[in-house]
Amino acid sequence: MKRLKILFVLLESVLFTLMVLFFLPLTQCKEHHFRLEDVLREFSSYPALSAKKQELPLQVAHTLEQPFYFFGEGEQFFVFLSKDRKSILKLFKKAEGRNYSQMFSGIDRIFHSAQDRSALLYIHLHQEENLPTICLIDRACHRHKLLLGETPFLIQQRGEPLFDRLKRAQGNERLMKELIDEVILCFLELCREGMRDTDNCTRRNLGFLDKRAVILDVGSLFFDPALQQKEEAKKEILHKTRRLGRWLKRRHPALYAYYLERIQL
């Protein structure tokens, strides 16, 4: 009898945990409920984009055949994760007064001049007829059909956030140094292209595809030719990597010294 009581208490505890983990978020999702009417359906008329339409790559076409699950949202995008968990779909959020021409221009520029540093596979900034209708699944498991040809969107490879990648590399000094070098090189290459990022949160905005550092949120980029000057680039890189420096100083003093040495461009 005593064993049955213990078993009942354990079962009750497990059921309560399941309720907290799975059912409670669904009761709260009304505050963050995804709606198709909140997705931007207009295309920029920015002249610099007019001649840069592109064919849908076969890899991306295959990716779009699977459903995408709601993964989160920021100030600029609704974010969906592919079923195979390898690709990210970003849909622009409607916002009154937002300068979409500048945003589209920044995305277009990094895609064509520094694609390796963006994780971008495909950008759709022009209205096209030959794109599929895809299935989106929101937090509450509601399905939405979206015709991509009438919607601006981005497809990116799913990157691993900066500090998650560094934590995985801990214990391997050689790899840690390679990753530090990659972060600095990533920002250096963006500066050479005159790409300034107004999002200073490297924790969420910078990541890795294996050992390659990439910008995960490309919606905050814009062209600033001043960054192509050596001194301005140096200031920008110091600014962008200061959080990395603090993290290394606290956890890996020897690697912090290496970072200080490498940051002297």
Protein backbone atom coordinates (compact mmCIF):
# COMPACT_ATOMS: atom_id res chain seq x y z
CA MET A 1 0.00 0.00 0.00
CA LYS A 2 2.85 2.35 0.87
CA ARG A 3 4.46 1.65 -2.50
CA LEU A 4 1.22 2.54 -4.27
CA LYS A 5 1.07 5.88 -2.46
CA ILE A 6 4.66 6.66 -3.46
CA LEU A 7 3.90 5.67 -7.04
CA PHE A 8 0.81 7.88 -7.05
CA VAL A 9 2.77 10.88 -5.75
CA LEU A 10 5.45 10.36 -8.41
CA LEU A 11 2.84 10.06 -11.15
CA GLU A 12 1.12 13.21 -9.94
CA SER A 13 4.46 15.05 -10.01
CA VAL A 14 5.20 13.88 -13.56
CA LEU A 15 1.75 14.95 -14.79
CA PHE A 16 2.15 18.36 -13.20
CA THR A 17 5.56 18.81 -14.86
CA LEU A 18 4.10 17.86 -18.24
CA MET A 19 1.30 20.36 -17.77
CA VAL A 20 3.75 23.17 -16.99
CA LEU A 21 6.04 22.30 -19.91
CA PHE A 22 3.44 21.72 -22.63
CA PHE A 23 -0.04 22.91 -21.77
CA LEU A 24 0.63 26.14 -19.89
CA PRO A 25 2.50 27.77 -22.82
CA LEU A 26 -0.49 27.09 -25.05
CA THR A 27 -2.80 28.93 -22.66
CA GLN A 28 -0.51 31.94 -22.81
CA CYS A 29 0.08 32.00 -26.55
CA LYS A 30 -2.74 34.47 -27.24
CA GLU A 31 -0.34 37.26 -26.29
CA HIS A 32 2.06 36.12 -29.02
CA HIS A 33 -0.34 34.52 -31.46
CA PHE A 34 0.99 34.46 -35.00
CA ARG A 35 -1.37 35.95 -37.59
CA LEU A 36 -0.81 36.06 -41.35
CA GLU A 37 -2.26 39.57 -41.45
CA ASP A 38 0.76 40.75 -39.42
CA VAL A 39 3.16 39.61 -42.15
CA LEU A 40 4.45 42.21 -44.59
CA ARG A 41 3.07 41.59 -48.10
CA GLU A 42 4.44 44.68 -49.84
CA PHE A 43 7.68 44.85 -51.80
CA SER A 44 10.18 47.68 -51.72
CA SER A 45 10.52 49.89 -54.78
CA TYR A 46 14.14 50.63 -53.94
CA PRO A 47 15.90 51.11 -57.32
CA ALA A 48 19.10 49.25 -56.37
CA LEU A 49 17.15 46.02 -56.02
CA SER A 50 15.29 46.12 -59.32
CA ALA A 51 17.84 44.18 -61.42
CA LYS A 52 18.79 41.53 -58.87
CA LYS A 53 16.10 38.88 -59.09
CA GLN A 54 17.39 35.33 -58.79
CA GLU A 55 16.29 31.80 -59.49
CA LEU A 56 15.19 29.65 -56.58
CA PRO A 57 18.11 27.26 -55.85
CA LEU A 58 17.26 23.57 -55.89
CA GLN A 59 18.42 23.17 -52.29
CA VAL A 60 16.05 25.91 -51.16
CA ALA A 61 13.19 24.51 -53.25
CA HIS A 62 13.55 21.16 -51.45
CA THR A 63 13.71 22.93 -48.09
CA LEU A 64 10.43 24.74 -48.78
CA GLU A 65 8.62 21.45 -49.39
CA GLN A 66 8.56 20.74 -45.66
CA PRO A 67 6.47 22.49 -42.98
CA PHE A 68 7.96 25.29 -40.89
CA TYR A 69 7.28 25.62 -37.17
CA PHE A 70 7.04 28.89 -35.26
CA PHE A 71 10.40 29.43 -33.56
CA GLY A 72 10.19 32.97 -32.22
CA GLU A 73 9.88 36.60 -33.16
CA GLY A 74 11.88 39.77 -32.86
CA GLU A 75 11.27 43.40 -33.62
CA GLN A 76 11.57 42.87 -37.38
CA PHE A 77 10.79 39.21 -38.17
CA PHE A 78 8.60 36.23 -37.47
CA VAL A 79 10.98 33.25 -37.35
CA PHE A 80 10.10 29.69 -38.38
CA LEU A 81 12.23 26.53 -38.16
CA SER A 82 12.06 23.84 -40.84
CA LYS A 83 10.94 20.35 -39.87
CA ASP A 84 14.47 19.00 -40.33
CA ARG A 85 15.70 21.80 -38.00
CA LYS A 86 18.38 22.90 -40.49
CA SER A 87 16.85 26.04 -42.01
CA ILE A 88 15.29 29.27 -40.80
CA LEU A 89 12.48 31.12 -42.59
CA LYS A 90 12.10 34.80 -41.71
CA LEU A 91 8.98 36.79 -42.57
CA PHE A 92 9.00 40.56 -42.26
CA LYS A 93 6.66 42.01 -39.66
CA LYS A 94 4.38 44.88 -40.53
CA ALA A 95 5.30 48.08 -38.70
CA GLU A 96 4.03 51.55 -39.45
CA GLY A 97 6.80 54.00 -40.28
CA ARG A 98 9.53 51.38 -40.69
CA ASN A 99 12.03 52.08 -43.46
CA TYR A 100 11.74 48.85 -45.44
CA SER A 101 13.72 50.25 -48.35
CA GLN A 102 16.78 50.68 -46.12
CA MET A 103 16.28 47.25 -44.59
CA PHE A 104 15.87 45.56 -47.98
CA SER A 105 18.92 47.42 -49.27
CA GLY A 106 21.11 46.21 -46.38
CA ILE A 107 19.97 42.61 -46.81
CA ASP A 108 20.46 42.78 -50.57
CA ARG A 109 23.97 44.17 -50.11
CA ILE A 110 25.20 41.55 -47.65
CA PHE A 111 23.68 38.75 -49.73
CA HIS A 112 25.51 39.82 -52.88
CA SER A 113 28.78 41.02 -51.35
CA ALA A 114 29.29 38.98 -48.15
CA GLN A 115 26.90 36.03 -48.32
CA ASP A 116 29.33 33.73 -46.47
CA ARG A 117 28.99 35.98 -43.43
CA SER A 118 25.19 36.03 -43.42
CA ALA A 119 24.10 32.35 -43.47
CA LEU A 120 21.62 33.46 -46.15
CA LEU A 121 20.59 30.87 -48.71
CA TYR A 122 17.95 32.90 -50.52
CA ILE A 123 16.35 36.34 -50.30
CA HIS A 124 12.99 37.19 -51.84
CA LEU A 125 12.67 40.96 -52.11
CA HIS A 126 10.80 41.08 -55.46
CA GLN A 127 7.36 39.80 -56.27
CA GLU A 128 7.61 36.46 -58.10
CA GLU A 129 4.97 34.12 -59.49
CA ASN A 130 6.91 30.83 -59.52
CA LEU A 131 7.28 30.24 -55.79
CA PRO A 132 5.41 27.59 -53.80
CA THR A 133 2.77 27.82 -51.13
CA ILE A 134 4.19 26.60 -47.82
CA CYS A 135 2.73 25.34 -44.56
CA LEU A 136 3.42 27.29 -41.38
CA ILE A 137 2.58 25.84 -37.97
CA ASP A 138 2.21 28.24 -35.05
CA ARG A 139 2.68 27.70 -31.31
CA ALA A 140 -0.87 26.43 -30.90
CA CYS A 141 -0.35 23.91 -33.74
CA HIS A 142 -2.62 25.87 -36.09
CA ARG A 143 -1.67 25.51 -39.75
CA HIS A 144 -1.36 28.49 -42.09
CA LYS A 145 -0.91 28.43 -45.87
CA LEU A 146 1.35 31.16 -47.24
CA LEU A 147 1.98 31.93 -50.91
CA LEU A 148 5.64 32.86 -50.94
CA GLY A 149 5.55 34.61 -54.31
CA GLU A 150 3.53 37.43 -52.77
CA THR A 151 5.59 37.71 -49.58
CA PRO A 152 9.09 39.09 -48.90
CA PHE A 153 11.11 36.52 -46.98
CA LEU A 154 14.58 35.18 -46.19
CA ILE A 155 15.92 31.64 -45.92
CA GLN A 156 19.00 31.10 -43.74
CA GLN A 157 20.97 28.14 -42.55
CA ARG A 158 20.36 27.60 -38.87
CA GLY A 159 23.39 28.88 -37.01
CA GLU A 160 24.61 28.13 -33.51
CA PRO A 161 24.71 31.20 -31.21
CA LEU A 162 28.15 32.58 -30.41
CA PHE A 163 28.46 31.60 -26.75
CA ASP A 164 26.86 28.19 -27.24
CA ARG A 165 29.56 27.42 -29.81
CA LEU A 166 32.34 28.70 -27.55
CA LYS A 167 31.09 26.62 -24.63
CA ARG A 168 31.17 23.51 -26.80
CA ALA A 169 34.76 24.28 -27.74
CA GLN A 170 35.96 24.73 -24.15
CA GLY A 171 38.88 22.47 -23.36
CA ASN A 172 40.22 22.74 -26.90
CA GLU A 173 42.49 25.80 -26.84
CA ARG A 174 43.40 25.57 -30.51
CA LEU A 175 39.75 25.52 -31.57
CA MET A 176 38.87 28.36 -29.20
CA LYS A 177 41.56 30.50 -30.81
CA GLU A 178 40.22 29.64 -34.28
CA LEU A 179 36.73 30.72 -33.23
CA ILE A 180 38.02 33.99 -31.73
CA ASP A 181 39.88 34.71 -34.97
CA GLU A 182 36.71 33.95 -36.94
CA VAL A 183 34.64 36.44 -34.95
CA ILE A 184 37.17 39.20 -35.56
CA LEU A 185 37.50 38.28 -39.24
CA CYS A 186 33.72 38.28 -39.69
CA PHE A 187 33.41 41.86 -38.45
CA LEU A 188 36.51 42.90 -40.40
CA GLU A 189 34.99 41.61 -43.66
CA LEU A 190 31.70 43.39 -42.95
CA CYS A 191 33.59 46.62 -42.33
CA ARG A 192 35.43 46.25 -45.64
CA GLU A 193 32.02 46.06 -47.33
CA GLY A 194 30.82 49.08 -45.35
CA MET A 195 28.13 47.06 -43.55
CA ARG A 196 27.23 48.56 -40.19
CA ASP A 197 25.01 46.58 -37.81
CA THR A 198 22.81 48.62 -35.46
CA ASP A 199 22.11 45.53 -33.32
CA ASN A 200 24.85 45.40 -30.70
CA CYS A 201 23.71 42.20 -29.01
CA THR A 202 26.33 39.70 -30.19
CA ARG A 203 24.84 37.06 -27.89
CA ARG A 204 21.85 36.63 -30.20
CA ASN A 205 23.07 38.27 -33.39
CA LEU A 206 26.36 36.46 -34.00
CA GLY A 207 26.72 32.73 -34.46
CA PHE A 208 28.57 29.93 -36.20
CA LEU A 209 28.05 27.47 -39.01
CA ASP A 210 30.52 24.89 -37.76
CA LYS A 211 33.70 27.00 -37.55
CA ARG A 212 32.53 29.96 -39.69
CA ALA A 213 31.29 33.07 -37.89
CA VAL A 214 28.10 34.56 -39.38
CA ILE A 215 25.58 37.32 -38.68
CA LEU A 216 22.30 35.70 -37.68
CA ASP A 217 20.08 38.80 -37.80
CA VAL A 218 20.63 40.65 -41.07
CA GLY A 219 17.69 43.03 -40.66
CA SER A 220 19.74 45.66 -38.82
CA LEU A 221 22.46 46.11 -41.46
CA PHE A 222 22.93 49.21 -43.56
CA PHE A 223 25.67 50.63 -45.78
CA ASP A 224 28.06 53.09 -44.12
CA PRO A 225 31.15 53.88 -46.21
CA ALA A 226 32.90 55.31 -43.13
CA LEU A 227 33.46 51.73 -41.92
CA GLN A 228 35.78 51.14 -44.86
CA GLN A 229 38.30 53.46 -43.17
CA LYS A 230 40.82 51.55 -41.01
CA GLU A 231 40.38 53.54 -37.79
CA GLU A 232 36.59 53.49 -37.97
CA ALA A 233 36.64 49.74 -38.65
CA LYS A 234 38.90 49.17 -35.64
CA LYS A 235 36.52 51.08 -33.37
CA GLU A 236 33.56 49.11 -34.71
CA ILE A 237 35.24 45.73 -34.18
CA LEU A 238 36.30 46.64 -30.64
CA HIS A 239 32.73 47.73 -29.93
CA LYS A 240 31.16 44.61 -31.41
CA THR A 241 33.46 42.18 -29.62
CA ARG A 242 33.52 43.81 -26.18
CA ARG A 243 31.05 41.27 -24.76
CA LEU A 244 33.20 38.43 -26.12
CA GLY A 245 36.20 40.04 -24.42
CA ARG A 246 34.40 40.24 -21.08
CA TRP A 247 33.34 36.60 -21.36
CA LEU A 248 36.90 35.47 -22.11
CA LYS A 249 38.37 37.60 -19.33
CA ARG A 250 36.01 36.03 -16.79
CA ARG A 251 36.29 32.41 -17.95
CA HIS A 252 39.55 32.06 -19.89
CA PRO A 253 42.18 34.68 -18.92
CA ALA A 254 44.84 33.15 -21.20
CA LEU A 255 42.47 33.33 -24.18
CA TYR A 256 41.52 36.87 -23.20
CA ALA A 257 45.18 37.81 -23.64
CA TYR A 258 45.10 36.14 -27.08
CA TYR A 259 41.94 38.12 -27.94
CA LEU A 260 43.60 41.41 -26.96
CA GLU A 261 46.58 40.56 -29.13
CA ARG A 262 44.43 39.67 -32.15
CA ILE A 263 42.14 42.65 -31.84
CA GLN A 264 45.05 44.99 -32.58
CA LEU A 265 44.37 44.99 -36.31
